[in-house]
mmCIF file of all heavy atoms, coordinates in Angstrom:
data_MODEL
# 
_entry.id   MODEL 
# 
loop_
_atom_site.group_PDB 
_atom_site.id 
_atom_site.type_symbol 
_atom_site.label_atom_id 
_atom_site.label_alt_id 
_atom_site.label_comp_id 
_atom_site.label_asym_id 
_atom_site.label_entity_id 
_atom_site.label_seq_id 
_atom_site.pdbx_PDB_ins_code 
_atom_site.Cartn_x 
_atom_site.Cartn_y 
_atom_site.Cartn_z 
_atom_site.occupancy 
_atom_site.B_iso_or_equiv 
_atom_site.pdbx_formal_charge 
_atom_site.auth_seq_id 
_atom_site.auth_comp_id 
_atom_site.auth_asym_id 
_atom_site.auth_atom_id 
_atom_site.pdbx_PDB_model_num 
ATOM 1   N N   . GLY A 1 1  ? 17.011 -15.208 -9.065  1.00 0.00 ? 1  GLY A N   1 
ATOM 2   C CA  . GLY A 1 1  ? 17.507 -13.874 -8.740  1.00 0.00 ? 1  GLY A CA  1 
ATOM 3   C C   . GLY A 1 1  ? 16.385 -12.877 -8.473  1.00 0.00 ? 1  GLY A C   1 
ATOM 4   O O   . GLY A 1 1  ? 15.201 -13.214 -8.513  1.00 0.00 ? 1  GLY A O   1 
ATOM 5   N N   . PHE A 1 2  ? 16.766 -11.618 -8.235  1.00 0.00 ? 2  PHE A N   1 
ATOM 6   C CA  . PHE A 1 2  ? 15.776 -10.568 -7.996  1.00 0.00 ? 2  PHE A CA  1 
ATOM 7   C C   . PHE A 1 2  ? 16.456 -9.218  -8.156  1.00 0.00 ? 2  PHE A C   1 
ATOM 8   O O   . PHE A 1 2  ? 17.683 -9.107  -8.184  1.00 0.00 ? 2  PHE A O   1 
ATOM 9   C CB  . PHE A 1 2  ? 15.152 -10.683 -6.605  1.00 0.00 ? 2  PHE A CB  1 
ATOM 10  C CG  . PHE A 1 2  ? 16.115 -11.062 -5.520  1.00 0.00 ? 2  PHE A CG  1 
ATOM 11  C CD1 . PHE A 1 2  ? 16.865 -10.102 -4.880  1.00 0.00 ? 2  PHE A CD1 1 
ATOM 12  C CD2 . PHE A 1 2  ? 16.282 -12.387 -5.164  1.00 0.00 ? 2  PHE A CD2 1 
ATOM 13  C CE1 . PHE A 1 2  ? 17.764 -10.445 -3.897  1.00 0.00 ? 2  PHE A CE1 1 
ATOM 14  C CE2 . PHE A 1 2  ? 17.170 -12.740 -4.172  1.00 0.00 ? 2  PHE A CE2 1 
ATOM 15  C CZ  . PHE A 1 2  ? 17.926 -11.764 -3.541  1.00 0.00 ? 2  PHE A CZ  1 
ATOM 16  N N   . ASN A 1 3  ? 15.636 -8.177  -8.295  1.00 0.00 ? 3  ASN A N   1 
ATOM 17  C CA  . ASN A 1 3  ? 16.148 -6.833  -8.526  1.00 0.00 ? 3  ASN A CA  1 
ATOM 18  C C   . ASN A 1 3  ? 16.556 -6.160  -7.216  1.00 0.00 ? 3  ASN A C   1 
ATOM 19  O O   . ASN A 1 3  ? 16.178 -6.593  -6.134  1.00 0.00 ? 3  ASN A O   1 
ATOM 20  C CB  . ASN A 1 3  ? 15.079 -5.978  -9.224  1.00 0.00 ? 3  ASN A CB  1 
ATOM 21  C CG  . ASN A 1 3  ? 14.793 -6.483  -10.626 1.00 0.00 ? 3  ASN A CG  1 
ATOM 22  O OD1 . ASN A 1 3  ? 15.689 -6.939  -11.323 1.00 0.00 ? 3  ASN A OD1 1 
ATOM 23  N ND2 . ASN A 1 3  ? 13.532 -6.419  -11.035 1.00 0.00 ? 3  ASN A ND2 1 
ATOM 24  N N   . LYS A 1 4  ? 17.308 -5.056  -7.332  1.00 0.00 ? 4  LYS A N   1 
ATOM 25  C CA  . LYS A 1 4  ? 17.782 -4.351  -6.145  1.00 0.00 ? 4  LYS A CA  1 
ATOM 26  C C   . LYS A 1 4  ? 16.640 -3.844  -5.282  1.00 0.00 ? 4  LYS A C   1 
ATOM 27  O O   . LYS A 1 4  ? 16.741 -3.819  -4.057  1.00 0.00 ? 4  LYS A O   1 
ATOM 28  C CB  . LYS A 1 4  ? 18.682 -3.186  -6.551  1.00 0.00 ? 4  LYS A CB  1 
ATOM 29  C CG  . LYS A 1 4  ? 20.087 -3.615  -6.975  1.00 0.00 ? 4  LYS A CG  1 
ATOM 30  C CD  . LYS A 1 4  ? 20.990 -2.414  -7.175  1.00 0.00 ? 4  LYS A CD  1 
ATOM 31  C CE  . LYS A 1 4  ? 22.415 -2.858  -7.484  1.00 0.00 ? 4  LYS A CE  1 
ATOM 32  N NZ  . LYS A 1 4  ? 23.325 -1.706  -7.663  1.00 0.00 ? 4  LYS A NZ  1 
ATOM 33  N N   . ASP A 1 5  ? 15.535 -3.408  -5.932  1.00 0.00 ? 5  ASP A N   1 
ATOM 34  C CA  . ASP A 1 5  ? 14.425 -2.872  -5.150  1.00 0.00 ? 5  ASP A CA  1 
ATOM 35  C C   . ASP A 1 5  ? 13.676 -3.954  -4.382  1.00 0.00 ? 5  ASP A C   1 
ATOM 36  O O   . ASP A 1 5  ? 12.767 -3.663  -3.611  1.00 0.00 ? 5  ASP A O   1 
ATOM 37  C CB  . ASP A 1 5  ? 13.452 -2.106  -6.039  1.00 0.00 ? 5  ASP A CB  1 
ATOM 38  C CG  . ASP A 1 5  ? 12.898 -2.964  -7.182  1.00 0.00 ? 5  ASP A CG  1 
ATOM 39  O OD1 . ASP A 1 5  ? 13.300 -4.137  -7.280  1.00 0.00 ? 5  ASP A OD1 1 
ATOM 40  O OD2 . ASP A 1 5  ? 12.077 -2.451  -7.964  1.00 0.00 ? 5  ASP A OD2 1 
ATOM 41  N N   . GLN A 1 6  ? 14.073 -5.238  -4.571  1.00 0.00 ? 6  GLN A N   1 
ATOM 42  C CA  . GLN A 1 6  ? 13.440 -6.345  -3.855  1.00 0.00 ? 6  GLN A CA  1 
ATOM 43  C C   . GLN A 1 6  ? 14.327 -6.891  -2.737  1.00 0.00 ? 6  GLN A C   1 
ATOM 44  O O   . GLN A 1 6  ? 13.943 -7.831  -2.061  1.00 0.00 ? 6  GLN A O   1 
ATOM 45  C CB  . GLN A 1 6  ? 13.094 -7.485  -4.830  1.00 0.00 ? 6  GLN A CB  1 
ATOM 46  C CG  . GLN A 1 6  ? 12.074 -7.090  -5.890  1.00 0.00 ? 6  GLN A CG  1 
ATOM 47  C CD  . GLN A 1 6  ? 11.885 -8.185  -6.930  1.00 0.00 ? 6  GLN A CD  1 
ATOM 48  O OE1 . GLN A 1 6  ? 12.858 -8.784  -7.398  1.00 0.00 ? 6  GLN A OE1 1 
ATOM 49  N NE2 . GLN A 1 6  ? 10.652 -8.450  -7.288  1.00 0.00 ? 6  GLN A NE2 1 
ATOM 50  N N   . HIS A 1 7  ? 15.514 -6.297  -2.535  1.00 0.00 ? 7  HIS A N   1 
ATOM 51  C CA  . HIS A 1 7  ? 16.459 -6.815  -1.542  1.00 0.00 ? 7  HIS A CA  1 
ATOM 52  C C   . HIS A 1 7  ? 15.849 -6.838  -0.141  1.00 0.00 ? 7  HIS A C   1 
ATOM 53  O O   . HIS A 1 7  ? 15.957 -7.830  0.580   1.00 0.00 ? 7  HIS A O   1 
ATOM 54  C CB  . HIS A 1 7  ? 17.734 -5.976  -1.543  1.00 0.00 ? 7  HIS A CB  1 
ATOM 55  C CG  . HIS A 1 7  ? 18.644 -6.319  -2.686  1.00 0.00 ? 7  HIS A CG  1 
ATOM 56  N ND1 . HIS A 1 7  ? 19.967 -5.944  -2.730  1.00 0.00 ? 7  HIS A ND1 1 
ATOM 57  C CD2 . HIS A 1 7  ? 18.425 -7.018  -3.828  1.00 0.00 ? 7  HIS A CD2 1 
ATOM 58  C CE1 . HIS A 1 7  ? 20.516 -6.383  -3.860  1.00 0.00 ? 7  HIS A CE1 1 
ATOM 59  N NE2 . HIS A 1 7  ? 19.585 -7.019  -4.540  1.00 0.00 ? 7  HIS A NE2 1 
ATOM 60  N N   . LYS A 1 8  ? 15.221 -5.722  0.273   1.00 0.00 ? 8  LYS A N   1 
ATOM 61  C CA  . LYS A 1 8  ? 14.638 -5.683  1.607   1.00 0.00 ? 8  LYS A CA  1 
ATOM 62  C C   . LYS A 1 8  ? 13.487 -6.670  1.734   1.00 0.00 ? 8  LYS A C   1 
ATOM 63  O O   . LYS A 1 8  ? 13.275 -7.263  2.789   1.00 0.00 ? 8  LYS A O   1 
ATOM 64  C CB  . LYS A 1 8  ? 14.156 -4.265  1.928   1.00 0.00 ? 8  LYS A CB  1 
ATOM 65  C CG  . LYS A 1 8  ? 15.279 -3.261  2.117   1.00 0.00 ? 8  LYS A CG  1 
ATOM 66  C CD  . LYS A 1 8  ? 14.728 -1.899  2.520   1.00 0.00 ? 8  LYS A CD  1 
ATOM 67  C CE  . LYS A 1 8  ? 15.868 -0.901  2.751   1.00 0.00 ? 8  LYS A CE  1 
ATOM 68  N NZ  . LYS A 1 8  ? 15.358 0.439   3.134   1.00 0.00 ? 8  LYS A NZ  1 
ATOM 69  N N   . LEU A 1 9  ? 12.746 -6.852  0.639   1.00 0.00 ? 9  LEU A N   1 
ATOM 70  C CA  . LEU A 1 9  ? 11.573 -7.725  0.671   1.00 0.00 ? 9  LEU A CA  1 
ATOM 71  C C   . LEU A 1 9  ? 11.959 -9.170  0.944   1.00 0.00 ? 9  LEU A C   1 
ATOM 72  O O   . LEU A 1 9  ? 11.261 -9.877  1.671   1.00 0.00 ? 9  LEU A O   1 
ATOM 73  C CB  . LEU A 1 9  ? 10.818 -7.617  -0.657  1.00 0.00 ? 9  LEU A CB  1 
ATOM 74  C CG  . LEU A 1 9  ? 9.447  -8.296  -0.737  1.00 0.00 ? 9  LEU A CG  1 
ATOM 75  C CD1 . LEU A 1 9  ? 8.492  -7.680  0.271   1.00 0.00 ? 9  LEU A CD1 1 
ATOM 76  C CD2 . LEU A 1 9  ? 8.876  -8.183  -2.149  1.00 0.00 ? 9  LEU A CD2 1 
ATOM 77  N N   . VAL A 1 10 ? 13.091 -9.640  0.393   1.00 0.00 ? 10 VAL A N   1 
ATOM 78  C CA  . VAL A 1 10 ? 13.451 -11.052 0.558   1.00 0.00 ? 10 VAL A CA  1 
ATOM 79  C C   . VAL A 1 10 ? 13.836 -11.387 1.991   1.00 0.00 ? 10 VAL A C   1 
ATOM 80  O O   . VAL A 1 10 ? 13.797 -12.554 2.389   1.00 0.00 ? 10 VAL A O   1 
ATOM 81  C CB  . VAL A 1 10 ? 14.605 -11.457 -0.394  1.00 0.00 ? 10 VAL A CB  1 
ATOM 82  C CG1 . VAL A 1 10 ? 14.220 -11.267 -1.836  1.00 0.00 ? 10 VAL A CG1 1 
ATOM 83  C CG2 . VAL A 1 10 ? 15.883 -10.696 -0.075  1.00 0.00 ? 10 VAL A CG2 1 
ATOM 84  N N   . PHE A 1 11 ? 14.213 -10.373 2.795   1.00 0.00 ? 11 PHE A N   1 
ATOM 85  C CA  . PHE A 1 11 ? 14.586 -10.620 4.180   1.00 0.00 ? 11 PHE A CA  1 
ATOM 86  C C   . PHE A 1 11 ? 13.420 -10.452 5.149   1.00 0.00 ? 11 PHE A C   1 
ATOM 87  O O   . PHE A 1 11 ? 13.577 -10.687 6.343   1.00 0.00 ? 11 PHE A O   1 
ATOM 88  C CB  . PHE A 1 11 ? 15.725 -9.685  4.611   1.00 0.00 ? 11 PHE A CB  1 
ATOM 89  C CG  . PHE A 1 11 ? 17.044 -10.028 3.986   1.00 0.00 ? 11 PHE A CG  1 
ATOM 90  C CD1 . PHE A 1 11 ? 17.572 -9.251  2.975   1.00 0.00 ? 11 PHE A CD1 1 
ATOM 91  C CD2 . PHE A 1 11 ? 17.752 -11.146 4.403   1.00 0.00 ? 11 PHE A CD2 1 
ATOM 92  C CE1 . PHE A 1 11 ? 18.795 -9.573  2.391   1.00 0.00 ? 11 PHE A CE1 1 
ATOM 93  C CE2 . PHE A 1 11 ? 18.968 -11.476 3.825   1.00 0.00 ? 11 PHE A CE2 1 
ATOM 94  C CZ  . PHE A 1 11 ? 19.484 -10.689 2.819   1.00 0.00 ? 11 PHE A CZ  1 
ATOM 95  N N   . ALA A 1 12 ? 12.250 -10.046 4.641   1.00 0.00 ? 12 ALA A N   1 
ATOM 96  C CA  . ALA A 1 12 ? 11.101 -9.824  5.511   1.00 0.00 ? 12 ALA A CA  1 
ATOM 97  C C   . ALA A 1 12 ? 10.447 -11.155 5.865   1.00 0.00 ? 12 ALA A C   1 
ATOM 98  O O   . ALA A 1 12 ? 10.412 -12.090 5.062   1.00 0.00 ? 12 ALA A O   1 
ATOM 99  C CB  . ALA A 1 12 ? 10.088 -8.902  4.833   1.00 0.00 ? 12 ALA A CB  1 
ATOM 100 N N   . GLU A 1 13 ? 9.899  -11.239 7.097   1.00 0.00 ? 13 GLU A N   1 
ATOM 101 C CA  . GLU A 1 13 ? 9.200  -12.450 7.531   1.00 0.00 ? 13 GLU A CA  1 
ATOM 102 C C   . GLU A 1 13 ? 7.949  -12.667 6.691   1.00 0.00 ? 13 GLU A C   1 
ATOM 103 O O   . GLU A 1 13 ? 7.258  -11.724 6.322   1.00 0.00 ? 13 GLU A O   1 
ATOM 104 C CB  . GLU A 1 13 ? 8.783  -12.326 8.994   1.00 0.00 ? 13 GLU A CB  1 
ATOM 105 C CG  . GLU A 1 13 ? 9.946  -12.317 9.959   1.00 0.00 ? 13 GLU A CG  1 
ATOM 106 C CD  . GLU A 1 13 ? 9.458  -12.055 11.368  1.00 0.00 ? 13 GLU A CD  1 
ATOM 107 O OE1 . GLU A 1 13 ? 8.264  -12.246 11.614  1.00 0.00 ? 13 GLU A OE1 1 
ATOM 108 O OE2 . GLU A 1 13 ? 10.278 -11.652 12.201  1.00 0.00 ? 13 GLU A OE2 1 
ATOM 109 N N   . PHE A 1 14 ? 7.642  -13.924 6.397   1.00 0.00 ? 14 PHE A N   1 
ATOM 110 C CA  . PHE A 1 14 ? 6.436  -14.321 5.687   1.00 0.00 ? 14 PHE A CA  1 
ATOM 111 C C   . PHE A 1 14 ? 6.326  -13.625 4.336   1.00 0.00 ? 14 PHE A C   1 
ATOM 112 O O   . PHE A 1 14 ? 5.233  -13.428 3.813   1.00 0.00 ? 14 PHE A O   1 
ATOM 113 C CB  . PHE A 1 14 ? 5.178  -14.015 6.527   1.00 0.00 ? 14 PHE A CB  1 
ATOM 114 C CG  . PHE A 1 14 ? 5.244  -14.550 7.915   1.00 0.00 ? 14 PHE A CG  1 
ATOM 115 C CD1 . PHE A 1 14 ? 5.432  -13.706 8.993   1.00 0.00 ? 14 PHE A CD1 1 
ATOM 116 C CD2 . PHE A 1 14 ? 5.158  -15.907 8.151   1.00 0.00 ? 14 PHE A CD2 1 
ATOM 117 C CE1 . PHE A 1 14 ? 5.507  -14.199 10.286  1.00 0.00 ? 14 PHE A CE1 1 
ATOM 118 C CE2 . PHE A 1 14 ? 5.243  -16.411 9.432   1.00 0.00 ? 14 PHE A CE2 1 
ATOM 119 C CZ  . PHE A 1 14 ? 5.418  -15.564 10.490  1.00 0.00 ? 14 PHE A CZ  1 
ATOM 120 N N   . SER A 1 15 ? 7.463  -13.237 3.765   1.00 0.00 ? 15 SER A N   1 
ATOM 121 C CA  . SER A 1 15 ? 7.450  -12.537 2.480   1.00 0.00 ? 15 SER A CA  1 
ATOM 122 C C   . SER A 1 15 ? 8.208  -13.363 1.459   1.00 0.00 ? 15 SER A C   1 
ATOM 123 O O   . SER A 1 15 ? 9.342  -13.785 1.700   1.00 0.00 ? 15 SER A O   1 
ATOM 124 C CB  . SER A 1 15 ? 8.098  -11.158 2.627   1.00 0.00 ? 15 SER A CB  1 
ATOM 125 O OG  . SER A 1 15 ? 8.178  -10.511 1.376   1.00 0.00 ? 15 SER A OG  1 
ATOM 126 N N   . ARG A 1 16 ? 7.582  -13.602 0.309   1.00 0.00 ? 16 ARG A N   1 
ATOM 127 C CA  . ARG A 1 16 ? 8.241  -14.372 -0.745  1.00 0.00 ? 16 ARG A CA  1 
ATOM 128 C C   . ARG A 1 16 ? 7.920  -13.717 -2.079  1.00 0.00 ? 16 ARG A C   1 
ATOM 129 O O   . ARG A 1 16 ? 6.792  -13.269 -2.316  1.00 0.00 ? 16 ARG A O   1 
ATOM 130 C CB  . ARG A 1 16 ? 7.752  -15.833 -0.744  1.00 0.00 ? 16 ARG A CB  1 
ATOM 131 C CG  . ARG A 1 16 ? 7.891  -16.489 0.609   1.00 0.00 ? 16 ARG A CG  1 
ATOM 132 C CD  . ARG A 1 16 ? 7.334  -17.900 0.572   1.00 0.00 ? 16 ARG A CD  1 
ATOM 133 N NE  . ARG A 1 16 ? 8.201  -18.793 -0.168  1.00 0.00 ? 16 ARG A NE  1 
ATOM 134 C CZ  . ARG A 1 16 ? 7.762  -19.832 -0.866  1.00 0.00 ? 16 ARG A CZ  1 
ATOM 135 N NH1 . ARG A 1 16 ? 6.485  -20.078 -0.951  1.00 0.00 ? 16 ARG A NH1 1 
ATOM 136 N NH2 . ARG A 1 16 ? 8.594  -20.620 -1.492  1.00 0.00 ? 16 ARG A NH2 1 
ATOM 137 N N   . LEU A 1 17 ? 8.899  -13.678 -2.970  1.00 0.00 ? 17 LEU A N   1 
ATOM 138 C CA  . LEU A 1 17 ? 8.676  -13.136 -4.294  1.00 0.00 ? 17 LEU A CA  1 
ATOM 139 C C   . LEU A 1 17 ? 7.773  -14.080 -5.080  1.00 0.00 ? 17 LEU A C   1 
ATOM 140 O O   . LEU A 1 17 ? 7.766  -15.288 -4.871  1.00 0.00 ? 17 LEU A O   1 
ATOM 141 C CB  . LEU A 1 17 ? 10.015 -12.957 -5.019  1.00 0.00 ? 17 LEU A CB  1 
ATOM 142 C CG  . LEU A 1 17 ? 11.033 -12.063 -4.289  1.00 0.00 ? 17 LEU A CG  1 
ATOM 143 C CD1 . LEU A 1 17 ? 12.277 -11.905 -5.133  1.00 0.00 ? 17 LEU A CD1 1 
ATOM 144 C CD2 . LEU A 1 17 ? 10.433 -10.701 -3.967  1.00 0.00 ? 17 LEU A CD2 1 
ATOM 145 N N   . GLU A 1 18 ? 7.000  -13.497 -5.989  1.00 0.00 ? 18 GLU A N   1 
ATOM 146 C CA  . GLU A 1 18 ? 5.960  -14.277 -6.675  1.00 0.00 ? 18 GLU A CA  1 
ATOM 147 C C   . GLU A 1 18 ? 6.538  -15.488 -7.395  1.00 0.00 ? 18 GLU A C   1 
ATOM 148 O O   . GLU A 1 18 ? 6.017  -16.597 -7.286  1.00 0.00 ? 18 GLU A O   1 
ATOM 149 C CB  . GLU A 1 18 ? 5.233  -13.363 -7.674  1.00 0.00 ? 18 GLU A CB  1 
ATOM 150 C CG  . GLU A 1 18 ? 4.116  -14.080 -8.431  1.00 0.00 ? 18 GLU A CG  1 
ATOM 151 C CD  . GLU A 1 18 ? 3.406  -13.154 -9.401  1.00 0.00 ? 18 GLU A CD  1 
ATOM 152 O OE1 . GLU A 1 18 ? 3.680  -11.937 -9.362  1.00 0.00 ? 18 GLU A OE1 1 
ATOM 153 O OE2 . GLU A 1 18 ? 2.605  -13.651 -10.200 1.00 0.00 ? 18 GLU A OE2 1 
ATOM 154 N N   . ARG A 1 19 ? 7.634  -15.302 -8.137  1.00 0.00 ? 19 ARG A N   1 
ATOM 155 C CA  . ARG A 1 19 ? 8.192  -16.428 -8.881  1.00 0.00 ? 19 ARG A CA  1 
ATOM 156 C C   . ARG A 1 19 ? 8.745  -17.486 -7.943  1.00 0.00 ? 19 ARG A C   1 
ATOM 157 O O   . ARG A 1 19 ? 8.618  -18.682 -8.181  1.00 0.00 ? 19 ARG A O   1 
ATOM 158 C CB  . ARG A 1 19 ? 9.288  -15.928 -9.826  1.00 0.00 ? 19 ARG A CB  1 
ATOM 159 C CG  . ARG A 1 19 ? 9.780  -17.018 -10.781 1.00 0.00 ? 19 ARG A CG  1 
ATOM 160 C CD  . ARG A 1 19 ? 10.823 -16.488 -11.733 1.00 0.00 ? 19 ARG A CD  1 
ATOM 161 N NE  . ARG A 1 19 ? 11.358 -17.549 -12.573 1.00 0.00 ? 19 ARG A NE  1 
ATOM 162 C CZ  . ARG A 1 19 ? 12.414 -17.413 -13.348 1.00 0.00 ? 19 ARG A CZ  1 
ATOM 163 N NH1 . ARG A 1 19 ? 13.041 -16.253 -13.412 1.00 0.00 ? 19 ARG A NH1 1 
ATOM 164 N NH2 . ARG A 1 19 ? 12.853 -18.433 -14.083 1.00 0.00 ? 19 ARG A NH2 1 
ATOM 165 N N   . GLY A 1 20 ? 9.360  -17.038 -6.837  1.00 0.00 ? 20 GLY A N   1 
ATOM 166 C CA  . GLY A 1 20 ? 9.888  -17.993 -5.866  1.00 0.00 ? 20 GLY A CA  1 
ATOM 167 C C   . GLY A 1 20 ? 8.792  -18.812 -5.224  1.00 0.00 ? 20 GLY A C   1 
ATOM 168 O O   . GLY A 1 20 ? 8.947  -20.000 -4.959  1.00 0.00 ? 20 GLY A O   1 
ATOM 169 N N   . ALA A 1 21 ? 7.643  -18.179 -4.949  1.00 0.00 ? 21 ALA A N   1 
ATOM 170 C CA  . ALA A 1 21 ? 6.518  -18.885 -4.336  1.00 0.00 ? 21 ALA A CA  1 
ATOM 171 C C   . ALA A 1 21 ? 5.990  -19.975 -5.253  1.00 0.00 ? 21 ALA A C   1 
ATOM 172 O O   . ALA A 1 21 ? 5.469  -20.991 -4.793  1.00 0.00 ? 21 ALA A O   1 
ATOM 173 C CB  . ALA A 1 21 ? 5.410  -17.891 -3.989  1.00 0.00 ? 21 ALA A CB  1 
ATOM 174 N N   . ARG A 1 22 ? 6.128  -19.761 -6.562  1.00 0.00 ? 22 ARG A N   1 
ATOM 175 C CA  . ARG A 1 22 ? 5.670  -20.790 -7.506  1.00 0.00 ? 22 ARG A CA  1 
ATOM 176 C C   . ARG A 1 22 ? 6.641  -21.959 -7.577  1.00 0.00 ? 22 ARG A C   1 
ATOM 177 O O   . ARG A 1 22 ? 6.256  -23.073 -7.929  1.00 0.00 ? 22 ARG A O   1 
ATOM 178 C CB  . ARG A 1 22 ? 5.500  -20.184 -8.908  1.00 0.00 ? 22 ARG A CB  1 
ATOM 179 C CG  . ARG A 1 22 ? 4.378  -19.171 -9.025  1.00 0.00 ? 22 ARG A CG  1 
ATOM 180 C CD  . ARG A 1 22 ? 4.005  -18.953 -10.489 1.00 0.00 ? 22 ARG A CD  1 
ATOM 181 N NE  . ARG A 1 22 ? 5.126  -18.465 -11.267 1.00 0.00 ? 22 ARG A NE  1 
ATOM 182 C CZ  . ARG A 1 22 ? 5.368  -17.180 -11.490 1.00 0.00 ? 22 ARG A CZ  1 
ATOM 183 N NH1 . ARG A 1 22 ? 4.560  -16.265 -10.987 1.00 0.00 ? 22 ARG A NH1 1 
ATOM 184 N NH2 . ARG A 1 22 ? 6.407  -16.798 -12.215 1.00 0.00 ? 22 ARG A NH2 1 
ATOM 185 N N   . MET A 1 23 ? 7.924  -21.725 -7.244  1.00 0.00 ? 23 MET A N   1 
ATOM 186 C CA  . MET A 1 23 ? 8.941  -22.770 -7.375  1.00 0.00 ? 23 MET A CA  1 
ATOM 187 C C   . MET A 1 23 ? 9.026  -23.674 -6.156  1.00 0.00 ? 23 MET A C   1 
ATOM 188 O O   . MET A 1 23 ? 9.354  -24.849 -6.267  1.00 0.00 ? 23 MET A O   1 
ATOM 189 C CB  . MET A 1 23 ? 10.320 -22.144 -7.629  1.00 0.00 ? 23 MET A CB  1 
ATOM 190 C CG  . MET A 1 23 ? 10.475 -21.517 -8.989  1.00 0.00 ? 23 MET A CG  1 
ATOM 191 S SD  . MET A 1 23 ? 12.168 -20.953 -9.262  1.00 0.00 ? 23 MET A SD  1 
ATOM 192 C CE  . MET A 1 23 ? 13.067 -22.507 -9.294  1.00 0.00 ? 23 MET A CE  1 
ATOM 193 N N   . ALA A 1 24 ? 8.768  -23.145 -4.948  1.00 0.00 ? 24 ALA A N   1 
ATOM 194 C CA  . ALA A 1 24 ? 8.977  -23.934 -3.728  1.00 0.00 ? 24 ALA A CA  1 
ATOM 195 C C   . ALA A 1 24 ? 7.992  -23.499 -2.660  1.00 0.00 ? 24 ALA A C   1 
ATOM 196 O O   . ALA A 1 24 ? 7.575  -22.345 -2.600  1.00 0.00 ? 24 ALA A O   1 
ATOM 197 C CB  . ALA A 1 24 ? 10.419 -23.757 -3.219  1.00 0.00 ? 24 ALA A CB  1 
ATOM 198 N N   . GLN A 1 25 ? 7.632  -24.468 -1.805  1.00 0.00 ? 25 GLN A N   1 
ATOM 199 C CA  . GLN A 1 25 ? 6.733  -24.177 -0.701  1.00 0.00 ? 25 GLN A CA  1 
ATOM 200 C C   . GLN A 1 25 ? 7.508  -23.579 0.472   1.00 0.00 ? 25 GLN A C   1 
ATOM 201 O O   . GLN A 1 25 ? 8.718  -23.688 0.547   1.00 0.00 ? 25 GLN A O   1 
ATOM 202 C CB  . GLN A 1 25 ? 6.025  -25.452 -0.250  1.00 0.00 ? 25 GLN A CB  1 
ATOM 203 C CG  . GLN A 1 25 ? 5.136  -26.066 -1.325  1.00 0.00 ? 25 GLN A CG  1 
ATOM 204 C CD  . GLN A 1 25 ? 4.456  -27.318 -0.832  1.00 0.00 ? 25 GLN A CD  1 
ATOM 205 O OE1 . GLN A 1 25 ? 4.805  -27.867 0.209   1.00 0.00 ? 25 GLN A OE1 1 
ATOM 206 N NE2 . GLN A 1 25 ? 3.468  -27.783 -1.583  1.00 0.00 ? 25 GLN A NE2 1 
ATOM 207 N N   . GLY A 1 26 ? 6.782  -22.972 1.398   1.00 0.00 ? 26 GLY A N   1 
ATOM 208 C CA  . GLY A 1 26 ? 7.422  -22.428 2.591   1.00 0.00 ? 26 GLY A CA  1 
ATOM 209 C C   . GLY A 1 26 ? 6.748  -21.141 3.028   1.00 0.00 ? 26 GLY A C   1 
ATOM 210 O O   . GLY A 1 26 ? 5.827  -20.640 2.387   1.00 0.00 ? 26 GLY A O   1 
ATOM 211 N N   . LEU A 1 27 ? 7.241  -20.597 4.135   1.00 0.00 ? 27 LEU A N   1 
ATOM 212 C CA  . LEU A 1 27 ? 6.676  -19.361 4.683   1.00 0.00 ? 27 LEU A CA  1 
ATOM 213 C C   . LEU A 1 27 ? 7.597  -18.164 4.463   1.00 0.00 ? 27 LEU A C   1 
ATOM 214 O O   . LEU A 1 27 ? 7.300  -17.066 4.894   1.00 0.00 ? 27 LEU A O   1 
ATOM 215 C CB  . LEU A 1 27 ? 6.416  -19.525 6.194   1.00 0.00 ? 27 LEU A CB  1 
ATOM 216 C CG  . LEU A 1 27 ? 5.337  -20.526 6.584   1.00 0.00 ? 27 LEU A CG  1 
ATOM 217 C CD1 . LEU A 1 27 ? 5.201  -20.565 8.093   1.00 0.00 ? 27 LEU A CD1 1 
ATOM 218 C CD2 . LEU A 1 27 ? 4.001  -20.159 5.953   1.00 0.00 ? 27 LEU A CD2 1 
ATOM 219 N N   . GLY A 1 28 ? 8.737  -18.363 3.817   1.00 0.00 ? 28 GLY A N   1 
ATOM 220 C CA  . GLY A 1 28 ? 9.637  -17.247 3.617   1.00 0.00 ? 28 GLY A CA  1 
ATOM 221 C C   . GLY A 1 28 ? 10.363 -16.821 4.871   1.00 0.00 ? 28 GLY A C   1 
ATOM 222 O O   . GLY A 1 28 ? 10.585 -15.637 5.102   1.00 0.00 ? 28 GLY A O   1 
# 
């Protein structure tokens, strides 16, 4: 999951939340 202030960030290109980046590979 993630907080409301991170909603826009998860839809941005090449952007991944720190915990998500640790769980799985990819470019976001």
